[in-house]
Amino acid sequence: MRRATLANTLILAAFLFGLVGPVAAQEAKDADTKADSKKGGGDLTTAATNPVGALIQVQFQDLYIPNSDNSSGYANTGIIQPVVPIHLGEDNYFQGIVTRTTIPIVTTPKVAGNRETGMGDITSIAALTHTTPTHAHLMGNVKADFFTWAPVGAVVLPTASKDETGADVWQLGPGLLALTNLHFPSGDNVMLGALAYHLWNVEDDDPDISKTFAQPVIVYKFNSLFDQKGWYIRNPDDLWSYDWKEDEFDQIPVGAFLGRVFPIGKQPVNVFAGGWYNPVSSDKGATADYAFKLSFSFLFPVK
């Protein structure tokens, strides 16, 4: 397969930001905007930590891996991730579509003495969301205020600029998302759920790929921490992965991130940082032992 050039990849990235920018500028509100509970919100922190929250996000992340199996030295992935919700109407069963596109810049660990840096493969997922306000009382005064489920489609574009930074094959597959949000009498609340999808290579070319990816969602949001609003602690947003061809897990991130949603002037942002440990290892390819992540996102609540 002819590998995409870096220029073509940058053109695609510019196109994605061309879609996000005008919409974000048109739809942005003040930082104290309340999100609609029918769209999986209720407040800006809930919407910002919801994988299918009803707000436009432009995320910048850096994942630093000090050490990996089957290699030596550090690895690093810089990520640009635009998230765009499309509202389909409250009268429709599926009220919206949320797209999340991950554009990575990869620095590999040293394998056979060589380290490479280049564009990675772009991954894009789209979720067709249905959210139901529940207002159900569970144990004691714990209240569930919405339930969201969504069929998901995922695609990987072979945009890597080097052999070492991507798989060089088109990948495609289905998935599913489900989550809810629970409120406690203290004013704290927790979001629980999961996103999972499977990918196969579309063509018959090597490598032959069959992998399942999952992202558990556990986000505990504090009513107040350090006398401030917007603080939360969550599990890593990096994906679990299982390789069906090798019959083994590649990655199970176990750790925690601390974050806060707050305004800079009138611009709301979401910042989090933390680390995780990977208790599994693979005999094939470089597998992270542990990692640290820093994330900064611009938030644009939609009307």
Foldseek 3Di string as FASTA:
>chain_A
DDAAAPVVVVVVVVVVCVVQVVQLVVFFDFLFDFFDVQQQTRGDLRQVQDPRRQWWKWKWKKKKFQAWPQADGIKIKIWTKIKHKDAPDPVDQQGIKIKIKIKIWIWDGHHPRDIDTWTEKMKMKMWRKGKDQDQDADPDRKGWGMKMKTKMKMWIHSHTNDVVRYQNFIKIWIWMWIKIKIADPQRKIWIWIKIKIWIAGPDPDPDGFTKIKMATWIKIADCADPNDHFKIKIFDRDIWMATPVQRGTQFDWGWMKIWGWDDDRRWIKIKIKIKTATPDHDPDDIGGGMIIMIMIMTIGRGD
